[in-house]
Structure formats: C-alpha cells, structure tokens
Amino acid sequence: MAETAPDQRDDGFGTALAAEIDGLYRYARWLVGDGVEAEDLVGDTMVRALERRDQFRGESTLATWLHRILYHRAIDRSRHAGHELVVEDVERNWDDERYSVDAADVLVRAENREGLIEALVHVPVHYRNVVVLHDAQQWTVAEIAEQFELSIPATKQRLRRGRMMLVSSLARQEERRVANHDVTLGCAQARSLVSDYLDDELDAPQRTQLESHLEHCATCPPLYAALVGVRELVGTLRDPNDVIPDAIRERLTGLVATPTPPPVAPDD
C-alpha cells in the first residue's frame, strides 16, 4: 500500500490527495466495473475527504483512509443492486458434492480483463472489496480487518466466500454437476478449507486430508483449479503500468485544487 503522504494537515493536503487518485481509480474500477461510475465515485471520495480532513489523524496511511471512504460510498450506491450473486445460493452449491465448474472455461473468461472485472461486479461488494484488496492490492488479512473494523475470522470468511462467488460468477452457464467418488473428507468441509489452503494457513493434518481429497474427488479439483487461477489473475489487476486516463486525472485533480470546503461533523 502507499506510504503516508507528508503532513496531511497542512496546505499540502490537496496535493497529497491528488497523488492518490490513480490508485483510488483502479480500486473503484474493480469495485464498480464501469469507468464513468468509477470516476464519479473517486470524485465523491475526494470531496468527502476534503470535507472531513480534520478526521484524518494519521493513524493509518492516507491511502487506506481514502479506500475506506470510497468503499462506504460504493456500499451506499449498491444497496439496491439486483445483479449480485446471493451468498447463500453460492454456499449451497459449494456444499453440494455434485457441484463443480469447467475450470478451463472459467480461466479463459478470467484471462480477459474486462470479463474478470464484469464477474467481480456480480460479487456482493462486502466480499468483492476483500478479494480486490487482498488478491489485487496485496493487503494482508490483518490490514483489511483493521481498516474495515472486522475480526480476522470474519475477514477470512469474506475472502473465502468472495473467491467462491467470483469463480461461480465466471462459470455462469458452464456450471455443471457430475458424479463423485467416496472420499474420507467431505466436499463441503474440503471446500471450506481450500481458501486457507491457498494462503498456506492449514496445519499439516488438514493439508494432508485436503490434498488426499483433491486427489480422489471428481468435483473439487476443477473448483480448486479455478480458485487458484482466478486468484492469480485478480493479482494481475495490480499493474503498475495501468494508469488512469489523463482526462479523468485532470478532472479529479481539479476537485482537490478548489478551495477546501469547511469540515463537517462526524457521522453518527
């Protein structure tokens, strides 16, 4: 994540905000999918930051503070979204031992940058945010938990569910159900462990059990392969050469170059 800019409480606050525009725009683009909406969301975030500059006390970096503002603005905009997956439906599928996906098809879709962003938009924003910050922005689970006032277990659960929903979103109509073999570790339990397995957080017995399950199961290996591939492709979104268009940067920079609005009282 970005380092804290120089003292944000002096007249350089607007300059410090402008330096964060590129990173915020990429984050917004991944959260909402649409470039115009992302620009609007970053602009809204900049205005909020200027209004509330007295609330920034340097306890976190300016970048993380701005990410939190933008995230809450995205939440407000998505309250009535009807295109998002239902987490209970996805969990039900992943708990079903007959459920699987075509991993090759999922990864072909994910390799298309626009297709990956489109699929992310179908993941509810609470889960999408954690996947983007962890797998694309390289935040740690602890950093995400602290910034968004979550427990470590809750953050891990959002990451696990978000990854599963992203794979299911990419699978679309190619989801399939196939027969399964008898294995010692049930599919539901295996699938609940696979996200921690990806992050190398299982103890030795759990790892051995899961690897044995993946060796013999008919339906879980494609899901696991899809999770691995999609996580890596989400990581490619963090492209240092992926810059905001100049025209958009100029418009957003103009917002922080205007006189600073008076501070507002904190939200209740």
C-alpha atoms as a PDB file:
ATOM      1  CA  MET A   1       0.000   0.000   0.000  1.00  0.00           C
ATOM      2  CA  ALA A   2       1.019   3.586  -0.466  1.00  0.00           C
ATOM      3  CA  GLU A   3       3.149   5.220   2.174  1.00  0.00           C
ATOM      4  CA  THR A   4       1.685   8.044   4.205  1.00  0.00           C
ATOM      5  CA  ALA A   5       1.992  11.334   2.379  1.00  0.00           C
ATOM      6  CA  PRO A   6       3.654  14.287   4.111  1.00  0.00           C
ATOM      7  CA  ASP A   7       1.792  16.011   6.900  1.00  0.00           C
ATOM      8  CA  GLN A   8      -1.799  15.950   5.654  1.00  0.00           C
ATOM      9  CA  ARG A   9      -2.934  18.701   7.967  1.00  0.00           C
ATOM     10  CA  ASP A  10      -1.039  21.498   6.259  1.00  0.00           C
ATOM     11  CA  ASP A  11      -1.779  23.260   2.966  1.00  0.00           C
ATOM     12  CA  GLY A  12      -0.388  20.273   1.063  1.00  0.00           C
ATOM     13  CA  PHE A  13      -3.445  18.136   1.829  1.00  0.00           C
ATOM     14  CA  GLY A  14      -4.949  18.661  -1.621  1.00  0.00           C
ATOM     15  CA  THR A  15      -1.641  17.758  -3.262  1.00  0.00           C
ATOM     16  CA  ALA A  16      -1.456  14.591  -1.180  1.00  0.00           C
ATOM     17  CA  LEU A  17      -4.995  13.684  -2.221  1.00  0.00           C
ATOM     18  CA  ALA A  18      -4.139  14.191  -5.878  1.00  0.00           C
ATOM     19  CA  ALA A  19      -1.220  11.775  -5.549  1.00  0.00           C
ATOM     20  CA  GLU A  20      -3.657   9.010  -4.532  1.00  0.00           C
ATOM     21  CA  ILE A  21      -6.032   9.441  -7.500  1.00  0.00           C
ATOM     22  CA  ASP A  22      -4.527   6.741  -9.739  1.00  0.00           C
ATOM     23  CA  GLY A  23      -4.673   4.049  -7.062  1.00  0.00           C
ATOM     24  CA  LEU A  24      -8.179   5.029  -5.999  1.00  0.00           C
ATOM     25  CA  TYR A  25      -9.423   4.979  -9.570  1.00  0.00           C
ATOM     26  CA  ARG A  26      -8.090   1.450 -10.125  1.00  0.00           C
ATOM     27  CA  TYR A  27      -9.722   0.308  -6.873  1.00  0.00           C
ATOM     28  CA  ALA A  28     -13.031   1.948  -7.831  1.00  0.00           C
ATOM     29  CA  ARG A  29     -12.872   0.442 -11.321  1.00  0.00           C
ATOM     30  CA  TRP A  30     -12.543  -3.035  -9.832  1.00  0.00           C
ATOM     31  CA  LEU A  31     -15.359  -2.397  -7.358  1.00  0.00           C
ATOM     32  CA  VAL A  32     -17.958  -0.978  -9.748  1.00  0.00           C
ATOM     33  CA  GLY A  33     -16.807  -2.157 -13.176  1.00  0.00           C
ATOM     34  CA  ASP A  34     -17.829   0.954 -15.082  1.00  0.00           C
ATOM     35  CA  GLY A  35     -15.215   3.649 -15.815  1.00  0.00           C
ATOM     36  CA  VAL A  36     -17.658   6.554 -15.668  1.00  0.00           C
ATOM     37  CA  GLU A  37     -19.112   5.356 -12.366  1.00  0.00           C
ATOM     38  CA  ALA A  38     -15.590   4.794 -11.024  1.00  0.00           C
ATOM     39  CA  GLU A  39     -14.627   8.368 -11.880  1.00  0.00           C
ATOM     40  CA  ASP A  40     -17.761   9.645 -10.167  1.00  0.00           C
ATOM     41  CA  LEU A  41     -17.025   7.514  -7.111  1.00  0.00           C
ATOM     42  CA  VAL A  42     -13.445   8.796  -6.839  1.00  0.00           C
ATOM     43  CA  GLY A  43     -14.678  12.367  -7.232  1.00  0.00           C
ATOM     44  CA  ASP A  44     -17.219  11.813  -4.474  1.00  0.00           C
ATOM     45  CA  THR A  45     -14.475  10.337  -2.289  1.00  0.00           C
ATOM     46  CA  MET A  46     -12.200  13.333  -2.866  1.00  0.00           C
ATOM     47  CA  VAL A  47     -14.964  15.759  -1.915  1.00  0.00           C
ATOM     48  CA  ARG A  48     -15.724  13.756   1.225  1.00  0.00           C
ATOM     49  CA  ALA A  49     -12.042  13.668   2.139  1.00  0.00           C
ATOM     50  CA  LEU A  50     -11.744  17.442   1.776  1.00  0.00           C
ATOM     51  CA  GLU A  51     -14.852  17.970   3.888  1.00  0.00           C
ATOM     52  CA  ARG A  52     -13.561  15.637   6.594  1.00  0.00           C
ATOM     53  CA  ARG A  53      -9.856  16.363   6.551  1.00  0.00           C
ATOM     54  CA  ASP A  54      -9.951  17.094  10.269  1.00  0.00           C
ATOM     55  CA  GLN A  55     -10.966  13.447  10.844  1.00  0.00           C
ATOM     56  CA  PHE A  56      -7.704  12.183   9.312  1.00  0.00           C
ATOM     57  CA  ARG A  57      -5.286  11.837  12.221  1.00  0.00           C
ATOM     58  CA  GLY A  58      -2.554   9.813  10.567  1.00  0.00           C
ATOM     59  CA  GLU A  59      -3.426   6.602  12.444  1.00  0.00           C
ATOM     60  CA  SER A  60      -3.390   4.853   9.052  1.00  0.00           C
ATOM     61  CA  THR A  61      -1.958   5.919   5.720  1.00  0.00           C
ATOM     62  CA  LEU A  62      -3.847   8.466   3.671  1.00  0.00           C
ATOM     63  CA  ALA A  63      -4.365   5.782   1.026  1.00  0.00           C
ATOM     64  CA  THR A  64      -6.089   3.381   3.425  1.00  0.00           C
ATOM     65  CA  TRP A  65      -8.256   6.181   4.833  1.00  0.00           C
ATOM     66  CA  LEU A  66      -9.361   7.106   1.303  1.00  0.00           C
ATOM     67  CA  HIS A  67     -10.007   3.470   0.414  1.00  0.00           C
ATOM     68  CA  ARG A  68     -12.321   3.223   3.399  1.00  0.00           C
ATOM     69  CA  ILE A  69     -14.257   6.332   2.372  1.00  0.00           C
ATOM     70  CA  LEU A  70     -14.586   5.055  -1.198  1.00  0.00           C
ATOM     71  CA  TYR A  71     -15.710   1.626  -0.016  1.00  0.00           C
ATOM     72  CA  HIS A  72     -18.532   3.104   2.073  1.00  0.00           C
ATOM     73  CA  ARG A  73     -19.613   5.300  -0.840  1.00  0.00           C
ATOM     74  CA  ALA A  74     -19.691   2.158  -3.014  1.00  0.00           C
ATOM     75  CA  ILE A  75     -21.813   0.411  -0.368  1.00  0.00           C
ATOM     76  CA  ASP A  76     -24.314   3.278  -0.443  1.00  0.00           C
ATOM     77  CA  ARG A  77     -24.563   3.016  -4.227  1.00  0.00           C
ATOM     78  CA  SER A  78     -25.023  -0.755  -4.258  1.00  0.00           C
ATOM     79  CA  ARG A  79     -27.773  -1.111  -1.646  1.00  0.00           C
ATOM     80  CA  HIS A  80     -30.411  -1.724  -4.287  1.00  0.00           C
ATOM     81  CA  ALA A  81     -28.252  -3.639  -6.760  1.00  0.00           C
ATOM     82  CA  GLY A  82     -30.151  -6.562  -8.277  1.00  0.00           C
ATOM     83  CA  HIS A  83     -27.350  -8.139 -10.294  1.00  0.00           C
ATOM     84  CA  GLU A  84     -25.275  -9.561  -7.452  1.00  0.00           C
ATOM     85  CA  LEU A  85     -24.980 -13.224  -6.546  1.00  0.00           C
ATOM     86  CA  VAL A  86     -26.701 -14.404  -3.368  1.00  0.00           C
ATOM     87  CA  VAL A  87     -24.071 -15.705  -0.975  1.00  0.00           C
ATOM     88  CA  GLU A  88     -26.406 -18.358   0.453  1.00  0.00           C
ATOM     89  CA  ASP A  89     -27.035 -19.775  -3.028  1.00  0.00           C
ATOM     90  CA  VAL A  90     -23.317 -19.959  -3.762  1.00  0.00           C
ATOM     91  CA  GLU A  91     -22.566 -21.555  -0.384  1.00  0.00           C
ATOM     92  CA  ARG A  92     -25.322 -24.097  -1.040  1.00  0.00           C
ATOM     93  CA  ASN A  93     -23.770 -25.008  -4.385  1.00  0.00           C
ATOM     94  CA  TRP A  94     -20.258 -25.312  -2.943  1.00  0.00           C
ATOM     95  CA  ASP A  95     -21.618 -27.514  -0.146  1.00  0.00           C
ATOM     96  CA  ASP A  96     -23.185 -29.833  -2.755  1.00  0.00           C
ATOM     97  CA  GLU A  97     -20.790 -32.665  -3.600  1.00  0.00           C
ATOM     98  CA  ARG A  98     -22.208 -32.838  -7.141  1.00  0.00           C
ATOM     99  CA  TYR A  99     -21.391 -29.217  -7.954  1.00  0.00           C
ATOM    100  CA  SER A 100     -18.352 -28.249  -9.997  1.00  0.00           C
ATOM    101  CA  VAL A 101     -17.284 -25.940 -12.834  1.00  0.00           C
ATOM    102  CA  ASP A 102     -15.319 -26.163 -16.049  1.00  0.00           C
ATOM    103  CA  ALA A 103     -12.001 -24.764 -14.790  1.00  0.00           C
ATOM    104  CA  ALA A 104     -10.625 -24.197 -18.301  1.00  0.00           C
ATOM    105  CA  ASP A 105     -13.673 -22.160 -19.261  1.00  0.00           C
ATOM    106  CA  VAL A 106     -13.514 -20.153 -16.026  1.00  0.00           C
ATOM    107  CA  LEU A 107      -9.866 -19.266 -16.583  1.00  0.00           C
ATOM    108  CA  VAL A 108     -10.434 -18.311 -20.229  1.00  0.00           C
ATOM    109  CA  ARG A 109     -13.069 -15.871 -19.008  1.00  0.00           C
ATOM    110  CA  ALA A 110     -10.811 -14.598 -16.212  1.00  0.00           C
ATOM    111  CA  GLU A 111      -7.877 -14.023 -18.577  1.00  0.00           C
ATOM    112  CA  ASN A 112      -9.997 -11.411 -20.331  1.00  0.00           C
ATOM    113  CA  ARG A 113      -9.516  -8.340 -18.132  1.00  0.00           C
ATOM    114  CA  GLU A 114     -12.937  -6.890 -18.874  1.00  0.00           C
ATOM    115  CA  GLY A 115     -14.547 -10.280 -18.308  1.00  0.00           C
ATOM    116  CA  LEU A 116     -12.846 -10.561 -14.923  1.00  0.00           C
ATOM    117  CA  ILE A 117     -13.968  -7.087 -13.880  1.00  0.00           C
ATOM    118  CA  GLU A 118     -17.516  -7.832 -15.063  1.00  0.00           C
ATOM    119  CA  ALA A 119     -17.556 -11.026 -12.993  1.00  0.00           C
ATOM    120  CA  LEU A 120     -16.282  -9.140  -9.931  1.00  0.00           C
ATOM    121  CA  VAL A 121     -19.226  -6.749 -10.167  1.00  0.00           C
ATOM    122  CA  HIS A 122     -21.583  -9.693  -9.614  1.00  0.00           C
ATOM    123  CA  VAL A 123     -19.907 -10.476  -6.282  1.00  0.00           C
ATOM    124  CA  PRO A 124     -21.600  -8.540  -3.431  1.00  0.00           C
ATOM    125  CA  VAL A 125     -19.489  -5.531  -2.564  1.00  0.00           C
ATOM    126  CA  HIS A 126     -18.666  -6.679   1.005  1.00  0.00           C
ATOM    127  CA  TYR A 127     -16.940  -9.751  -0.407  1.00  0.00           C
ATOM    128  CA  ARG A 128     -15.672  -8.112  -3.591  1.00  0.00           C
ATOM    129  CA  ASN A 129     -13.864  -5.491  -1.536  1.00  0.00           C
ATOM    130  CA  VAL A 130     -11.869  -8.087   0.422  1.00  0.00           C
ATOM    131  CA  VAL A 131     -10.944 -10.080  -2.710  1.00  0.00           C
ATOM    132  CA  VAL A 132      -9.779  -6.929  -4.513  1.00  0.00           C
ATOM    133  CA  LEU A 133      -7.774  -5.607  -1.563  1.00  0.00           C
ATOM    134  CA  HIS A 134      -6.187  -8.975  -0.731  1.00  0.00           C
ATOM    135  CA  ASP A 135      -5.615 -10.576  -4.138  1.00  0.00           C
ATOM    136  CA  ALA A 136      -5.169  -7.467  -6.308  1.00  0.00           C
ATOM    137  CA  GLN A 137      -3.909  -4.784  -3.922  1.00  0.00           C
ATOM    138  CA  GLN A 138      -1.847  -7.202  -1.793  1.00  0.00           C
ATOM    139  CA  TRP A 139      -3.261  -6.062   1.557  1.00  0.00           C
ATOM    140  CA  THR A 140      -2.922  -8.611   4.337  1.00  0.00           C
ATOM    141  CA  VAL A 141      -5.947 -10.070   6.104  1.00  0.00           C
ATOM    142  CA  ALA A 142      -4.890  -8.194   9.251  1.00  0.00           C
ATOM    143  CA  GLU A 143      -4.715  -4.872   7.400  1.00  0.00           C
ATOM    144  CA  ILE A 144      -8.167  -5.369   5.880  1.00  0.00           C
ATOM    145  CA  ALA A 145      -9.626  -6.399   9.225  1.00  0.00           C
ATOM    146  CA  GLU A 146      -8.182  -3.349  10.983  1.00  0.00           C
ATOM    147  CA  GLN A 147      -9.191  -0.857   8.307  1.00  0.00           C
ATOM    148  CA  PHE A 148     -12.782  -2.084   7.990  1.00  0.00           C
ATOM    149  CA  GLU A 149     -13.268  -2.933  11.673  1.00  0.00           C
ATOM    150  CA  LEU A 150     -13.687  -6.672  11.135  1.00  0.00           C
ATOM    151  CA  SER A 151     -12.377  -9.635  13.068  1.00  0.00           C
ATOM    152  CA  ILE A 152      -9.707 -11.798  11.460  1.00  0.00           C
ATOM    153  CA  PRO A 153     -12.137 -14.763  11.126  1.00  0.00           C
ATOM    154  CA  ALA A 154     -14.804 -12.533   9.544  1.00  0.00           C
ATOM    155  CA  THR A 155     -12.287 -11.149   7.059  1.00  0.00           C
ATOM    156  CA  LYS A 156     -11.128 -14.641   6.128  1.00  0.00           C
ATOM    157  CA  GLN A 157     -14.732 -15.726   5.673  1.00  0.00           C
ATOM    158  CA  ARG A 158     -15.386 -12.800   3.335  1.00  0.00           C
ATOM    159  CA  LEU A 159     -12.259 -13.663   1.368  1.00  0.00           C
ATOM    160  CA  ARG A 160     -13.275 -17.322   1.091  1.00  0.00           C
ATOM    161  CA  ARG A 161     -16.836 -16.521   0.057  1.00  0.00           C
ATOM    162  CA  GLY A 162     -15.718 -13.783  -2.317  1.00  0.00           C
ATOM    163  CA  ARG A 163     -13.313 -16.105  -4.115  1.00  0.00           C
ATOM    164  CA  MET A 164     -16.008 -18.777  -4.418  1.00  0.00           C
ATOM    165  CA  MET A 165     -18.565 -16.304  -5.731  1.00  0.00           C
ATOM    166  CA  LEU A 166     -16.081 -14.937  -8.259  1.00  0.00           C
ATOM    167  CA  VAL A 167     -15.457 -18.435  -9.645  1.00  0.00           C
ATOM    168  CA  SER A 168     -19.204 -19.109  -9.772  1.00  0.00           C
ATOM    169  CA  SER A 169     -19.761 -15.755 -11.463  1.00  0.00           C
ATOM    170  CA  LEU A 170     -17.166 -16.603 -14.104  1.00  0.00           C
ATOM    171  CA  ALA A 171     -18.619 -20.080 -14.604  1.00  0.00           C
ATOM    172  CA  ARG A 172     -22.091 -18.768 -15.472  1.00  0.00           C
ATOM    173  CA  GLN A 173     -23.927 -21.249 -17.635  1.00  0.00           C
ATOM    174  CA  GLU A 174     -20.947 -23.584 -17.725  1.00  0.00           C
ATOM    175  CA  GLU A 175     -21.597 -24.753 -14.173  1.00  0.00           C
ATOM    176  CA  ARG A 176     -22.102 -28.493 -14.178  1.00  0.00           C
ATOM    177  CA  ARG A 177     -22.922 -31.286 -11.818  1.00  0.00           C
ATOM    178  CA  VAL A 178     -21.004 -34.561 -12.027  1.00  0.00           C
ATOM    179  CA  ALA A 179     -20.815 -37.802 -10.069  1.00  0.00           C
ATOM    180  CA  ASN A 180     -18.444 -38.008  -7.135  1.00  0.00           C
ATOM    181  CA  HIS A 181     -16.354 -40.799  -5.578  1.00  0.00           C
ATOM    182  CA  ASP A 182     -16.356 -41.794  -1.937  1.00  0.00           C
ATOM    183  CA  VAL A 183     -13.633 -39.863  -0.113  1.00  0.00           C
ATOM    184  CA  THR A 184     -12.718 -39.535   3.564  1.00  0.00           C
ATOM    185  CA  LEU A 185     -13.058 -35.727   3.721  1.00  0.00           C
ATOM    186  CA  GLY A 186     -16.480 -34.450   2.666  1.00  0.00           C
ATOM    187  CA  CYS A 187     -16.672 -31.924  -0.165  1.00  0.00           C
ATOM    188  CA  ALA A 188     -18.330 -29.265   1.977  1.00  0.00           C
ATOM    189  CA  GLN A 189     -15.548 -29.475   4.551  1.00  0.00           C
ATOM    190  CA  ALA A 190     -12.855 -29.559   1.860  1.00  0.00           C
ATOM    191  CA  ARG A 191     -14.302 -26.504   0.146  1.00  0.00           C
ATOM    192  CA  SER A 192     -14.428 -24.633   3.454  1.00  0.00           C
ATOM    193  CA  LEU A 193     -10.668 -25.250   3.840  1.00  0.00           C
ATOM    194  CA  VAL A 194      -9.470 -24.549   0.324  1.00  0.00           C
ATOM    195  CA  SER A 195      -9.182 -20.756   0.679  1.00  0.00           C
ATOM    196  CA  ASP A 196      -6.911 -21.159   3.716  1.00  0.00           C
ATOM    197  CA  TYR A 197      -5.004 -23.812   1.752  1.00  0.00           C
ATOM    198  CA  LEU A 198      -4.376 -21.253  -0.980  1.00  0.00           C
ATOM    199  CA  ASP A 199      -2.928 -18.889   1.630  1.00  0.00           C
ATOM    200  CA  ASP A 200      -0.835 -21.669   3.257  1.00  0.00           C
ATOM    201  CA  GLU A 201      -2.665 -21.383   6.589  1.00  0.00           C
ATOM    202  CA  LEU A 202      -3.628 -25.031   7.205  1.00  0.00           C
ATOM    203  CA  ASP A 203      -1.849 -27.229   9.706  1.00  0.00           C
ATOM    204  CA  ALA A 204      -0.149 -30.399   8.449  1.00  0.00           C
ATOM    205  CA  PRO A 205      -3.039 -32.861   9.134  1.00  0.00           C
ATOM    206  CA  GLN A 206      -5.612 -30.606   7.439  1.00  0.00           C
ATOM    207  CA  ARG A 207      -3.319 -30.081   4.471  1.00  0.00           C
ATOM    208  CA  THR A 208      -2.784 -33.840   4.098  1.00  0.00           C
ATOM    209  CA  GLN A 209      -6.516 -34.544   4.307  1.00  0.00           C
ATOM    210  CA  LEU A 210      -7.366 -31.869   1.774  1.00  0.00           C
ATOM    211  CA  GLU A 211      -4.673 -32.946  -0.666  1.00  0.00           C
ATOM    212  CA  SER A 212      -5.911 -36.534  -0.399  1.00  0.00           C
ATOM    213  CA  HIS A 213      -9.456 -35.340  -1.064  1.00  0.00           C
ATOM    214  CA  LEU A 214      -8.373 -33.355  -4.119  1.00  0.00           C
ATOM    215  CA  GLU A 215      -6.540 -36.395  -5.450  1.00  0.00           C
ATOM    216  CA  HIS A 216      -9.637 -38.614  -5.389  1.00  0.00           C
ATOM    217  CA  CYS A 217     -12.614 -36.256  -5.691  1.00  0.00           C
ATOM    218  CA  ALA A 218     -14.327 -35.841  -9.064  1.00  0.00           C
ATOM    219  CA  THR A 219     -15.790 -32.377  -8.485  1.00  0.00           C
ATOM    220  CA  CYS A 220     -13.489 -30.418  -6.165  1.00  0.00           C
ATOM    221  CA  PRO A 221     -10.273 -30.330  -8.262  1.00  0.00           C
ATOM    222  CA  PRO A 222     -11.842 -28.162 -11.019  1.00  0.00           C
ATOM    223  CA  LEU A 223     -13.166 -25.797  -8.350  1.00  0.00           C
ATOM    224  CA  TYR A 224      -9.732 -25.652  -6.731  1.00  0.00           C
ATOM    225  CA  ALA A 225      -8.005 -25.121 -10.092  1.00  0.00           C
ATOM    226  CA  ALA A 226     -10.436 -22.315 -10.863  1.00  0.00           C
ATOM    227  CA  LEU A 227      -9.814 -20.680  -7.471  1.00  0.00           C
ATOM    228  CA  VAL A 228      -6.036 -20.821  -7.948  1.00  0.00           C
ATOM    229  CA  GLY A 229      -6.143 -19.458 -11.474  1.00  0.00           C
ATOM    230  CA  VAL A 230      -8.666 -16.721 -10.734  1.00  0.00           C
ATOM    231  CA  ARG A 231      -6.741 -15.577  -7.634  1.00  0.00           C
ATOM    232  CA  GLU A 232      -3.589 -15.244  -9.735  1.00  0.00           C
ATOM    233  CA  LEU A 233      -5.446 -13.371 -12.476  1.00  0.00           C
ATOM    234  CA  VAL A 234      -7.015 -10.987  -9.939  1.00  0.00           C
ATOM    235  CA  GLY A 235      -3.427 -10.318  -8.866  1.00  0.00           C
ATOM    236  CA  THR A 236      -2.601  -9.201 -12.420  1.00  0.00           C
ATOM    237  CA  LEU A 237      -5.048  -6.320 -11.993  1.00  0.00           C
ATOM    238  CA  ARG A 238      -2.327  -4.722  -9.867  1.00  0.00           C
ATOM    239  CA  ASP A 239      -0.460  -3.493 -12.931  1.00  0.00           C
ATOM    240  CA  PRO A 240       1.901  -0.561 -12.244  1.00  0.00           C
ATOM    241  CA  ASN A 241       1.594   0.411 -15.901  1.00  0.00           C
ATOM    242  CA  ASP A 242      -2.201   0.545 -15.697  1.00  0.00           C
ATOM    243  CA  VAL A 243      -2.655   4.307 -15.408  1.00  0.00           C
ATOM    244  CA  ILE A 244      -5.729   6.453 -15.229  1.00  0.00           C
ATOM    245  CA  PRO A 245      -6.556   8.285 -18.471  1.00  0.00           C
ATOM    246  CA  ASP A 246      -5.142  11.824 -18.472  1.00  0.00           C
ATOM    247  CA  ALA A 247      -8.536  13.466 -18.997  1.00  0.00           C
ATOM    248  CA  ILE A 248     -10.001  11.700 -15.967  1.00  0.00           C
ATOM    249  CA  ARG A 249      -6.974  12.559 -13.824  1.00  0.00           C
ATOM    250  CA  GLU A 250      -7.266  16.232 -14.785  1.00  0.00           C
ATOM    251  CA  ARG A 251     -10.947  16.339 -13.835  1.00  0.00           C
ATOM    252  CA  LEU A 252     -10.340  14.637 -10.486  1.00  0.00           C
ATOM    253  CA  THR A 253      -7.271  16.715  -9.731  1.00  0.00           C
ATOM    254  CA  GLY A 254      -9.409  19.784 -10.335  1.00  0.00           C
ATOM    255  CA  LEU A 255     -11.648  18.729  -7.457  1.00  0.00           C
ATOM    256  CA  VAL A 256      -8.813  18.864  -4.928  1.00  0.00           C
ATOM    257  CA  ALA A 257      -7.397  22.085  -6.382  1.00  0.00           C
ATOM    258  CA  THR A 258     -10.519  24.042  -5.427  1.00  0.00           C
ATOM    259  CA  PRO A 259     -10.826  25.756  -2.026  1.00  0.00           C
ATOM    260  CA  THR A 260     -11.303  23.263   0.782  1.00  0.00           C
ATOM    261  CA  PRO A 261     -14.931  23.033   1.997  1.00  0.00           C
ATOM    262  CA  PRO A 262     -15.498  23.612   5.713  1.00  0.00           C
ATOM    263  CA  PRO A 263     -15.252  20.481   7.894  1.00  0.00           C
ATOM    264  CA  VAL A 264     -18.450  18.641   8.693  1.00  0.00           C
ATOM    265  CA  ALA A 265     -19.401  16.870  11.883  1.00  0.00           C
ATOM    266  CA  PRO A 266     -18.642  13.110  12.047  1.00  0.00           C
ATOM    267  CA  ASP A 267     -21.418  10.700  11.084  1.00  0.00           C
ATOM    268  CA  ASP A 268     -23.495   9.348  13.908  1.00  0.00           C
END
